[in-house]
Amino acid sequence: MNKANRAAQFMPFDALKGLQEALRDKEKKLARVERSELTEEQAVELSQKLCKLEKGTSVAITFYHNGHYIAFTGKVSKINQPFKYLVIDNIKIFFEDICKLDC
């Protein structure tokens, strides 16, 4: 038996397809963080930025969702003041979940 064939028999084998992906998903769920409260100054600053926000504005936003903080950049497509949410690139974000907003 040549060296290449002999080495092939000892190569790693994934006997359970999808196990590694399932373990990564489980790890991600367990790595959740608790929501931190904004200080009074941060809340006022965020409120002022939300009042100035207009449809079509490009923003960088960080918000809390399902135990994780998510940061991304996009354009505001809808602002609903009565129900206190905005939509950025088809993602509905409630005002109470926003922790940072840069216009």
PDB file of N, CA and C in Angstrom:
ATOM      1  N   MET A   1       0.867  -1.171   0.000  1.00  0.00           N
ATOM      2  CA  MET A   1       0.000   0.000   0.000  1.00  0.00           C
ATOM      3  C   MET A   1       0.908   1.226   0.000  1.00  0.00           C
ATOM      4  N   ASN A   2       0.627   2.176  -0.947  1.00  0.00           N
ATOM      5  CA  ASN A   2       1.470   3.373  -0.995  1.00  0.00           C
ATOM      6  C   ASN A   2       1.077   4.344   0.122  1.00  0.00           C
ATOM      7  N   LYS A   3       1.901   5.374   0.326  1.00  0.00           N
ATOM      8  CA  LYS A   3       1.704   6.298   1.450  1.00  0.00           C
ATOM      9  C   LYS A   3       0.397   7.081   1.334  1.00  0.00           C
ATOM     10  N   ALA A   4       0.005   7.480   0.120  1.00  0.00           N
ATOM     11  CA  ALA A   4      -1.224   8.275  -0.057  1.00  0.00           C
ATOM     12  C   ALA A   4      -2.456   7.463   0.336  1.00  0.00           C
ATOM     13  N   ASN A   5      -2.528   6.214  -0.088  1.00  0.00           N
ATOM     14  CA  ASN A   5      -3.672   5.366   0.260  1.00  0.00           C
ATOM     15  C   ASN A   5      -3.706   5.057   1.755  1.00  0.00           C
ATOM     16  N   ARG A   6      -2.524   4.842   2.304  1.00  0.00           N
ATOM     17  CA  ARG A   6      -2.461   4.528   3.727  1.00  0.00           C
ATOM     18  C   ARG A   6      -2.893   5.735   4.567  1.00  0.00           C
ATOM     19  N   ALA A   7      -2.494   6.950   4.180  1.00  0.00           N
ATOM     20  CA  ALA A   7      -2.860   8.169   4.911  1.00  0.00           C
ATOM     21  C   ALA A   7      -4.355   8.436   4.813  1.00  0.00           C
ATOM     22  N   ALA A   8      -4.964   8.072   3.698  1.00  0.00           N
ATOM     23  CA  ALA A   8      -6.394   8.324   3.491  1.00  0.00           C
ATOM     24  C   ALA A   8      -7.255   7.566   4.484  1.00  0.00           C
ATOM     25  N   GLN A   9      -6.812   6.427   4.920  1.00  0.00           N
ATOM     26  CA  GLN A   9      -7.630   5.655   5.849  1.00  0.00           C
ATOM     27  C   GLN A   9      -7.680   6.275   7.241  1.00  0.00           C
ATOM     28  N   PHE A  10      -6.751   7.196   7.538  1.00  0.00           N
ATOM     29  CA  PHE A  10      -6.745   7.848   8.844  1.00  0.00           C
ATOM     30  C   PHE A  10      -7.292   9.278   8.807  1.00  0.00           C
ATOM     31  N   MET A  11      -7.835   9.709   7.684  1.00  0.00           N
ATOM     32  CA  MET A  11      -8.381  11.054   7.567  1.00  0.00           C
ATOM     33  C   MET A  11      -9.645  11.177   8.416  1.00  0.00           C
ATOM     34  N   PRO A  12      -9.945  12.400   8.898  1.00  0.00           N
ATOM     35  CA  PRO A  12     -11.142  12.579   9.725  1.00  0.00           C
ATOM     36  C   PRO A  12     -12.419  12.253   8.946  1.00  0.00           C
ATOM     37  N   PHE A  13     -13.377  11.734   9.660  1.00  0.00           N
ATOM     38  CA  PHE A  13     -14.639  11.339   9.049  1.00  0.00           C
ATOM     39  C   PHE A  13     -15.775  11.903   9.890  1.00  0.00           C
ATOM     40  N   ASP A  14     -16.709  12.604   9.235  1.00  0.00           N
ATOM     41  CA  ASP A  14     -17.863  13.172   9.925  1.00  0.00           C
ATOM     42  C   ASP A  14     -19.009  12.160   9.836  1.00  0.00           C
ATOM     43  N   ALA A  15     -19.104  11.306  10.831  1.00  0.00           N
ATOM     44  CA  ALA A  15     -20.104  10.244  10.816  1.00  0.00           C
ATOM     45  C   ALA A  15     -21.518  10.788  10.990  1.00  0.00           C
ATOM     46  N   LEU A  16     -21.664  11.869  11.708  1.00  0.00           N
ATOM     47  CA  LEU A  16     -22.983  12.449  11.942  1.00  0.00           C
ATOM     48  C   LEU A  16     -23.088  13.762  11.173  1.00  0.00           C
ATOM     49  N   LYS A  17     -23.671  13.696  10.009  1.00  0.00           N
ATOM     50  CA  LYS A  17     -23.823  14.885   9.168  1.00  0.00           C
ATOM     51  C   LYS A  17     -24.632  15.943   9.906  1.00  0.00           C
ATOM     52  N   GLY A  18     -24.129  17.174   9.905  1.00  0.00           N
ATOM     53  CA  GLY A  18     -24.837  18.281  10.529  1.00  0.00           C
ATOM     54  C   GLY A  18     -24.568  18.450  12.010  1.00  0.00           C
ATOM     55  N   LEU A  19     -23.791  17.551  12.598  1.00  0.00           N
ATOM     56  CA  LEU A  19     -23.517  17.643  14.032  1.00  0.00           C
ATOM     57  C   LEU A  19     -22.753  18.920  14.367  1.00  0.00           C
ATOM     58  N   GLN A  20     -21.739  19.231  13.579  1.00  0.00           N
ATOM     59  CA  GLN A  20     -20.941  20.431  13.852  1.00  0.00           C
ATOM     60  C   GLN A  20     -21.796  21.696  13.762  1.00  0.00           C
ATOM     61  N   GLU A  21     -22.688  21.753  12.779  1.00  0.00           N
ATOM     62  CA  GLU A  21     -23.578  22.906  12.629  1.00  0.00           C
ATOM     63  C   GLU A  21     -24.546  23.006  13.807  1.00  0.00           C
ATOM     64  N   ALA A  22     -25.083  21.897  14.241  1.00  0.00           N
ATOM     65  CA  ALA A  22     -25.993  21.883  15.386  1.00  0.00           C
ATOM     66  C   ALA A  22     -25.276  22.321  16.656  1.00  0.00           C
ATOM     67  N   LEU A  23     -24.036  21.902  16.819  1.00  0.00           N
ATOM     68  CA  LEU A  23     -23.260  22.324  17.988  1.00  0.00           C
ATOM     69  C   LEU A  23     -22.987  23.827  17.963  1.00  0.00           C
ATOM     70  N   ARG A  24     -22.696  24.384  16.783  1.00  0.00           N
ATOM     71  CA  ARG A  24     -22.484  25.830  16.667  1.00  0.00           C
ATOM     72  C   ARG A  24     -23.765  26.599  16.999  1.00  0.00           C
ATOM     73  N   ASP A  25     -24.916  26.109  16.528  1.00  0.00           N
ATOM     74  CA  ASP A  25     -26.195  26.752  16.838  1.00  0.00           C
ATOM     75  C   ASP A  25     -26.470  26.730  18.334  1.00  0.00           C
ATOM     76  N   LYS A  26     -26.212  25.601  18.964  1.00  0.00           N
ATOM     77  CA  LYS A  26     -26.419  25.460  20.405  1.00  0.00           C
ATOM     78  C   LYS A  26     -25.490  26.396  21.173  1.00  0.00           C
ATOM     79  N   GLU A  27     -24.254  26.496  20.722  1.00  0.00           N
ATOM     80  CA  GLU A  27     -23.281  27.385  21.348  1.00  0.00           C
ATOM     81  C   GLU A  27     -23.729  28.837  21.241  1.00  0.00           C
ATOM     82  N   LYS A  28     -24.273  29.200  20.096  1.00  0.00           N
ATOM     83  CA  LYS A  28     -24.750  30.562  19.872  1.00  0.00           C
ATOM     84  C   LYS A  28     -25.923  30.886  20.801  1.00  0.00           C
ATOM     85  N   LYS A  29     -26.826  29.938  20.980  1.00  0.00           N
ATOM     86  CA  LYS A  29     -27.967  30.147  21.864  1.00  0.00           C
ATOM     87  C   LYS A  29     -27.535  30.308  23.308  1.00  0.00           C
ATOM     88  N   LEU A  30     -26.524  29.554  23.697  1.00  0.00           N
ATOM     89  CA  LEU A  30     -26.046  29.627  25.073  1.00  0.00           C
ATOM     90  C   LEU A  30     -25.222  30.884  25.337  1.00  0.00           C
ATOM     91  N   ALA A  31     -24.730  31.515  24.291  1.00  0.00           N
ATOM     92  CA  ALA A  31     -23.891  32.694  24.435  1.00  0.00           C
ATOM     93  C   ALA A  31     -24.713  33.986  24.499  1.00  0.00           C
ATOM     94  N   ARG A  32     -25.962  33.885  24.827  1.00  0.00           N
ATOM     95  CA  ARG A  32     -26.824  35.064  24.898  1.00  0.00           C
ATOM     96  C   ARG A  32     -26.380  35.996  26.019  1.00  0.00           C
ATOM     97  N   VAL A  33     -26.656  37.276  25.814  1.00  0.00           N
ATOM     98  CA  VAL A  33     -26.324  38.281  26.813  1.00  0.00           C
ATOM     99  C   VAL A  33     -27.602  38.971  27.277  1.00  0.00           C
ATOM    100  N   GLU A  34     -27.552  39.514  28.469  1.00  0.00           N
ATOM    101  CA  GLU A  34     -28.709  40.238  28.978  1.00  0.00           C
ATOM    102  C   GLU A  34     -28.718  41.654  28.424  1.00  0.00           C
ATOM    103  N   ARG A  35     -29.906  42.188  28.294  1.00  0.00           N
ATOM    104  CA  ARG A  35     -30.069  43.539  27.778  1.00  0.00           C
ATOM    105  C   ARG A  35     -29.580  44.531  28.830  1.00  0.00           C
ATOM    106  N   SER A  36     -28.754  45.470  28.394  1.00  0.00           N
ATOM    107  CA  SER A  36     -28.281  46.506  29.311  1.00  0.00           C
ATOM    108  C   SER A  36     -29.183  47.731  29.191  1.00  0.00           C
ATOM    109  N   GLU A  37     -29.393  48.384  30.297  1.00  0.00           N
ATOM    110  CA  GLU A  37     -30.242  49.569  30.325  1.00  0.00           C
ATOM    111  C   GLU A  37     -29.437  50.803  29.921  1.00  0.00           C
ATOM    112  N   LEU A  38     -30.073  51.710  29.181  1.00  0.00           N
ATOM    113  CA  LEU A  38     -29.426  52.955  28.793  1.00  0.00           C
ATOM    114  C   LEU A  38     -29.421  53.921  29.971  1.00  0.00           C
ATOM    115  N   THR A  39     -28.383  54.755  30.026  1.00  0.00           N
ATOM    116  CA  THR A  39     -28.364  55.807  31.042  1.00  0.00           C
ATOM    117  C   THR A  39     -29.347  56.890  30.620  1.00  0.00           C
ATOM    118  N   GLU A  40     -29.637  57.774  31.521  1.00  0.00           N
ATOM    119  CA  GLU A  40     -30.572  58.870  31.226  1.00  0.00           C
ATOM    120  C   GLU A  40     -30.076  59.719  30.054  1.00  0.00           C
ATOM    121  N   GLU A  41     -28.770  60.015  30.043  1.00  0.00           N
ATOM    122  CA  GLU A  41     -28.196  60.830  28.964  1.00  0.00           C
ATOM    123  C   GLU A  41     -28.276  60.109  27.618  1.00  0.00           C
ATOM    124  N   GLN A  42     -27.984  58.810  27.619  1.00  0.00           N
ATOM    125  CA  GLN A  42     -28.058  58.023  26.384  1.00  0.00           C
ATOM    126  C   GLN A  42     -29.487  57.956  25.867  1.00  0.00           C
ATOM    127  N   ALA A  43     -30.448  57.824  26.772  1.00  0.00           N
ATOM    128  CA  ALA A  43     -31.860  57.754  26.371  1.00  0.00           C
ATOM    129  C   ALA A  43     -32.315  59.067  25.752  1.00  0.00           C
ATOM    130  N   VAL A  44     -31.889  60.186  26.327  1.00  0.00           N
ATOM    131  CA  VAL A  44     -32.258  61.502  25.790  1.00  0.00           C
ATOM    132  C   VAL A  44     -31.627  61.699  24.415  1.00  0.00           C
ATOM    133  N   GLU A  45     -30.356  61.349  24.287  1.00  0.00           N
ATOM    134  CA  GLU A  45     -29.656  61.489  23.005  1.00  0.00           C
ATOM    135  C   GLU A  45     -30.303  60.628  21.927  1.00  0.00           C
ATOM    136  N   LEU A  46     -30.655  59.397  22.281  1.00  0.00           N
ATOM    137  CA  LEU A  46     -31.310  58.494  21.338  1.00  0.00           C
ATOM    138  C   LEU A  46     -32.679  59.027  20.932  1.00  0.00           C
ATOM    139  N   SER A  47     -33.416  59.549  21.885  1.00  0.00           N
ATOM    140  CA  SER A  47     -34.734  60.115  21.607  1.00  0.00           C
ATOM    141  C   SER A  47     -34.636  61.293  20.643  1.00  0.00           C
ATOM    142  N   GLN A  48     -33.638  62.139  20.831  1.00  0.00           N
ATOM    143  CA  GLN A  48     -33.445  63.283  19.937  1.00  0.00           C
ATOM    144  C   GLN A  48     -33.121  62.825  18.519  1.00  0.00           C
ATOM    145  N   LYS A  49     -32.279  61.813  18.406  1.00  0.00           N
ATOM    146  CA  LYS A  49     -31.924  61.287  17.087  1.00  0.00           C
ATOM    147  C   LYS A  49     -33.139  60.656  16.407  1.00  0.00           C
ATOM    148  N   LEU A  50     -33.977  59.960  17.176  1.00  0.00           N
ATOM    149  CA  LEU A  50     -35.172  59.349  16.602  1.00  0.00           C
ATOM    150  C   LEU A  50     -36.161  60.395  16.115  1.00  0.00           C
ATOM    151  N   CYS A  51     -36.254  61.525  16.822  1.00  0.00           N
ATOM    152  CA  CYS A  51     -37.159  62.599  16.404  1.00  0.00           C
ATOM    153  C   CYS A  51     -36.706  63.242  15.098  1.00  0.00           C
ATOM    154  N   LYS A  52     -35.408  63.308  14.870  1.00  0.00           N
ATOM    155  CA  LYS A  52     -34.861  63.926  13.661  1.00  0.00           C
ATOM    156  C   LYS A  52     -34.826  62.963  12.476  1.00  0.00           C
ATOM    157  N   LEU A  53     -35.018  61.693  12.734  1.00  0.00           N
ATOM    158  CA  LEU A  53     -34.904  60.669  11.707  1.00  0.00           C
ATOM    159  C   LEU A  53     -36.006  60.802  10.665  1.00  0.00           C
ATOM    160  N   GLU A  54     -35.635  60.631   9.393  1.00  0.00           N
ATOM    161  CA  GLU A  54     -36.595  60.713   8.294  1.00  0.00           C
ATOM    162  C   GLU A  54     -36.490  59.476   7.414  1.00  0.00           C
ATOM    163  N   LYS A  55     -37.551  59.224   6.686  1.00  0.00           N
ATOM    164  CA  LYS A  55     -37.580  58.091   5.759  1.00  0.00           C
ATOM    165  C   LYS A  55     -36.509  58.301   4.687  1.00  0.00           C
ATOM    166  N   GLY A  56     -35.754  57.240   4.393  1.00  0.00           N
ATOM    167  CA  GLY A  56     -34.710  57.313   3.377  1.00  0.00           C
ATOM    168  C   GLY A  56     -33.337  57.651   3.925  1.00  0.00           C
ATOM    169  N   THR A  57     -33.251  57.967   5.216  1.00  0.00           N
ATOM    170  CA  THR A  57     -31.981  58.296   5.840  1.00  0.00           C
ATOM    171  C   THR A  57     -31.150  57.028   6.028  1.00  0.00           C
ATOM    172  N   SER A  58     -29.862  57.134   5.746  1.00  0.00           N
ATOM    173  CA  SER A  58     -28.960  56.009   5.964  1.00  0.00           C
ATOM    174  C   SER A  58     -28.464  56.066   7.404  1.00  0.00           C
ATOM    175  N   VAL A  59     -28.561  54.936   8.112  1.00  0.00           N
ATOM    176  CA  VAL A  59     -28.202  54.900   9.528  1.00  0.00           C
ATOM    177  C   VAL A  59     -27.345  53.681   9.844  1.00  0.00           C
ATOM    178  N   ALA A  60     -26.548  53.832  10.897  1.00  0.00           N
ATOM    179  CA  ALA A  60     -25.844  52.698  11.494  1.00  0.00           C
ATOM    180  C   ALA A  60     -26.524  52.473  12.835  1.00  0.00           C
ATOM    181  N   ILE A  61     -26.997  51.266  13.069  1.00  0.00           N
ATOM    182  CA  ILE A  61     -27.815  51.005  14.250  1.00  0.00           C
ATOM    183  C   ILE A  61     -27.331  49.746  14.975  1.00  0.00           C
ATOM    184  N   THR A  62     -27.430  49.786  16.283  1.00  0.00           N
ATOM    185  CA  THR A  62     -27.165  48.620  17.115  1.00  0.00           C
ATOM    186  C   THR A  62     -28.404  48.398  17.964  1.00  0.00           C
ATOM    187  N   PHE A  63     -28.942  47.166  17.936  1.00  0.00           N
ATOM    188  CA  PHE A  63     -30.153  46.879  18.683  1.00  0.00           C
ATOM    189  C   PHE A  63     -30.095  45.476  19.278  1.00  0.00           C
ATOM    190  N   TYR A  64     -30.957  45.239  20.252  1.00  0.00           N
ATOM    191  CA  TYR A  64     -31.027  43.966  20.969  1.00  0.00           C
ATOM    192  C   TYR A  64     -32.114  43.102  20.360  1.00  0.00           C
ATOM    193  N   HIS A  65     -31.765  41.838  20.039  1.00  0.00           N
ATOM    194  CA  HIS A  65     -32.752  40.925  19.459  1.00  0.00           C
ATOM    195  C   HIS A  65     -32.413  39.492  19.854  1.00  0.00           C
ATOM    196  N   ASN A  66     -33.339  38.822  20.503  1.00  0.00           N
ATOM    197  CA  ASN A  66     -33.199  37.408  20.894  1.00  0.00           C
ATOM    198  C   ASN A  66     -31.905  37.101  21.643  1.00  0.00           C
ATOM    199  N   GLY A  67     -31.562  37.945  22.584  1.00  0.00           N
ATOM    200  CA  GLY A  67     -30.399  37.669  23.412  1.00  0.00           C
ATOM    201  C   GLY A  67     -29.072  38.095  22.827  1.00  0.00           C
ATOM    202  N   HIS A  68     -29.092  38.807  21.717  1.00  0.00           N
ATOM    203  CA  HIS A  68     -27.855  39.239  21.074  1.00  0.00           C
ATOM    204  C   HIS A  68     -27.974  40.697  20.647  1.00  0.00           C
ATOM    205  N   TYR A  69     -26.838  41.381  20.623  1.00  0.00           N
ATOM    206  CA  TYR A  69     -26.794  42.728  20.067  1.00  0.00           C
ATOM    207  C   TYR A  69     -26.389  42.620  18.607  1.00  0.00           C
ATOM    208  N   ILE A  70     -27.172  43.267  17.744  1.00  0.00           N
ATOM    209  CA  ILE A  70     -26.939  43.214  16.310  1.00  0.00           C
ATOM    210  C   ILE A  70     -26.641  44.620  15.824  1.00  0.00           C
ATOM    211  N   ALA A  71     -25.587  44.757  15.033  1.00  0.00           N
ATOM    212  CA  ALA A  71     -25.213  46.058  14.472  1.00  0.00           C
ATOM    213  C   ALA A  71     -25.179  45.945  12.951  1.00  0.00           C
ATOM    214  N   PHE A  72     -25.800  46.904  12.280  1.00  0.00           N
ATOM    215  CA  PHE A  72     -25.725  46.949  10.831  1.00  0.00           C
ATOM    216  C   PHE A  72     -26.059  48.333  10.322  1.00  0.00           C
ATOM    217  N   THR A  73     -25.868  48.545   9.032  1.00  0.00           N
ATOM    218  CA  THR A  73     -26.130  49.831   8.388  1.00  0.00           C
ATOM    219  C   THR A  73     -27.179  49.621   7.300  1.00  0.00           C
ATOM    220  N   GLY A  74     -28.107  50.568   7.193  1.00  0.00           N
ATOM    221  CA  GLY A  74     -29.142  50.472   6.179  1.00  0.00           C
ATOM    222  C   GLY A  74     -29.923  51.766   6.069  1.00  0.00           C
ATOM    223  N   LYS A  75     -30.931  51.751   5.213  1.00  0.00           N
ATOM    224  CA  LYS A  75     -31.781  52.928   5.006  1.00  0.00           C
ATOM    225  C   LYS A  75     -33.127  52.735   5.684  1.00  0.00           C
ATOM    226  N   VAL A  76     -33.593  53.788   6.311  1.00  0.00           N
ATOM    227  CA  VAL A  76     -34.892  53.764   6.983  1.00  0.00           C
ATOM    228  C   VAL A  76     -35.983  53.750   5.925  1.00  0.00           C
ATOM    229  N   SER A  77     -36.852  52.749   5.970  1.00  0.00           N
ATOM    230  CA  SER A  77     -37.939  52.675   5.006  1.00  0.00           C
ATOM    231  C   SER A  77     -39.291  53.037   5.630  1.00  0.00           C
ATOM    232  N   LYS A  78     -39.385  53.000   6.974  1.00  0.00           N
ATOM    233  CA  LYS A  78     -40.647  53.350   7.628  1.00  0.00           C
ATOM    234  C   LYS A  78     -40.369  53.736   9.074  1.00  0.00           C
ATOM    235  N   ILE A  79     -41.085  54.772   9.527  1.00  0.00           N
ATOM    236  CA  ILE A  79     -41.027  55.180  10.932  1.00  0.00           C
ATOM    237  C   ILE A  79     -42.455  55.245  11.436  1.00  0.00           C
ATOM    238  N   ASN A  80     -42.765  54.478  12.471  1.00  0.00           N
ATOM    239  CA  ASN A  80     -44.104  54.463  13.042  1.00  0.00           C
ATOM    240  C   ASN A  80     -44.019  54.965  14.482  1.00  0.00           C
ATOM    241  N   GLN A  81     -44.307  56.249  14.657  1.00  0.00           N
ATOM    242  CA  GLN A  81     -44.233  56.868  15.984  1.00  0.00           C
ATOM    243  C   GLN A  81     -45.280  56.319  16.954  1.00  0.00           C
ATOM    244  N   PRO A  82     -46.546  56.159  16.537  1.00  0.00           N
ATOM    245  CA  PRO A  82     -47.548  55.671  17.497  1.00  0.00           C
ATOM    246  C   PRO A  82     -47.224  54.292  18.085  1.00  0.00           C
ATOM    247  N   PHE A  83     -46.720  53.385  17.260  1.00  0.00           N
ATOM    248  CA  PHE A  83     -46.400  52.042  17.736  1.00  0.00           C
ATOM    249  C   PHE A  83     -44.921  51.885  18.092  1.00  0.00           C
ATOM    250  N   LYS A  84     -44.166  52.966  17.964  1.00  0.00           N
ATOM    251  CA  LYS A  84     -42.760  53.055  18.382  1.00  0.00           C
ATOM    252  C   LYS A  84     -41.866  51.989  17.767  1.00  0.00           C
ATOM    253  N   TYR A  85     -41.821  51.971  16.442  1.00  0.00           N
ATOM    254  CA  TYR A  85     -40.877  51.112  15.743  1.00  0.00           C
ATOM    255  C   TYR A  85     -40.464  51.766  14.436  1.00  0.00           C
ATOM    256  N   LEU A  86     -39.365  51.284  13.895  1.00  0.00           N
ATOM    257  CA  LEU A  86     -38.939  51.718  12.574  1.00  0.00           C
ATOM    258  C   LEU A  86     -38.518  50.491  11.779  1.00  0.00           C
ATOM    259  N   VAL A  87     -38.514  50.641  10.468  1.00  0.00           N
ATOM    260  CA  VAL A  87     -38.147  49.540   9.585  1.00  0.00           C
ATOM    261  C   VAL A  87     -36.921  49.975   8.795  1.00  0.00           C
ATOM    262  N   ILE A  88     -35.873  49.156   8.885  1.00  0.00           N
ATOM    263  CA  ILE A  88     -34.648  49.420   8.141  1.00  0.00           C
ATOM    264  C   ILE A  88     -34.356  48.172   7.319  1.00  0.00           C
ATOM    265  N   ASP A  89     -34.329  48.340   6.008  1.00  0.00           N
ATOM    266  CA  ASP A  89     -34.080  47.213   5.101  1.00  0.00           C
ATOM    267  C   ASP A  89     -34.945  45.995   5.450  1.00  0.00           C
ATOM    268  N   ASN A  90     -36.231  46.208   5.616  1.00  0.00           N
ATOM    269  CA  ASN A  90     -37.227  45.163   5.913  1.00  0.00           C
ATOM    270  C   ASN A  90     -37.056  44.497   7.273  1.00  0.00           C
ATOM    271  N   ILE A  91     -36.337  45.138   8.178  1.00  0.00           N
ATOM    272  CA  ILE A  91     -36.196  44.628   9.541  1.00  0.00           C
ATOM    273  C   ILE A  91     -36.913  45.594  10.475  1.00  0.00           C
ATOM    274  N   LYS A  92     -37.902  45.083  11.200  1.00  0.00           N
ATOM    275  CA  LYS A  92     -38.689  45.892  12.120  1.00  0.00           C
ATOM    276  C   LYS A  92     -37.965  45.957  13.465  1.00  0.00           C
ATOM    277  N   ILE A  93     -37.667  47.184  13.909  1.00  0.00           N
ATOM    278  CA  ILE A  93     -36.917  47.382  15.142  1.00  0.00           C
ATOM    279  C   ILE A  93     -37.716  48.309  16.048  1.00  0.00           C
ATOM    280  N   PHE A  94     -38.033  47.830  17.237  1.00  0.00           N
ATOM    281  CA  PHE A  94     -38.760  48.660  18.195  1.00  0.00           C
ATOM    282  C   PHE A  94     -37.807  49.638  18.863  1.00  0.00           C
ATOM    283  N   PHE A  95     -38.304  50.836  19.157  1.00  0.00           N
ATOM    284  CA  PHE A  95     -37.483  51.878  19.761  1.00  0.00           C
ATOM    285  C   PHE A  95     -36.825  51.396  21.050  1.00  0.00           C
ATOM    286  N   GLU A  96     -37.540  50.622  21.839  1.00  0.00           N
ATOM    287  CA  GLU A  96     -37.006  50.157  23.132  1.00  0.00           C
ATOM    288  C   GLU A  96     -35.828  49.193  22.970  1.00  0.00           C
ATOM    289  N   ASP A  97     -35.664  48.589  21.793  1.00  0.00           N
ATOM    290  CA  ASP A  97     -34.570  47.654  21.554  1.00  0.00           C
ATOM    291  C   ASP A  97     -33.299  48.334  21.041  1.00  0.00           C
ATOM    292  N   ILE A  98     -33.405  49.596  20.634  1.00  0.00           N
ATOM    293  CA  ILE A  98     -32.264  50.311  20.070  1.00  0.00           C
ATOM    294  C   ILE A  98     -31.346  50.781  21.192  1.00  0.00           C
ATOM    295  N   CYS A  99     -30.056  50.499  21.035  1.00  0.00           N
ATOM    296  CA  CYS A  99     -29.103  50.977  22.032  1.00  0.00           C
ATOM    297  C   CYS A  99     -28.146  52.011  21.453  1.00  0.00           C
ATOM    298  N   LYS A 100     -27.978  52.036  20.126  1.00  0.00           N
ATOM    299  CA  LYS A 100     -27.109  53.026  19.511  1.00  0.00           C
ATOM    300  C   LYS A 100     -27.611  53.324  18.113  1.00  0.00           C
ATOM    301  N   LEU A 101     -27.591  54.605  17.749  1.00  0.00           N
ATOM    302  CA  LEU A 101     -28.080  55.031  16.433  1.00  0.00           C
ATOM    303  C   LEU A 101     -27.205  56.164  15.941  1.00  0.00           C
ATOM    304  N   ASP A 102     -26.627  55.998  14.760  1.00  0.00           N
ATOM    305  CA  ASP A 102     -25.803  57.029  14.133  1.00  0.00           C
ATOM    306  C   ASP A 102     -26.378  57.346  12.769  1.00  0.00           C
ATOM    307  N   CYS A 103     -26.710  58.615  12.560  1.00  0.00           N
ATOM    308  CA  CYS A 103     -27.292  59.058  11.289  1.00  0.00           C
ATOM    309  C   CYS A 103     -26.218  59.578  10.357  1.00  0.00           C
TER     310      CYS A 103
END
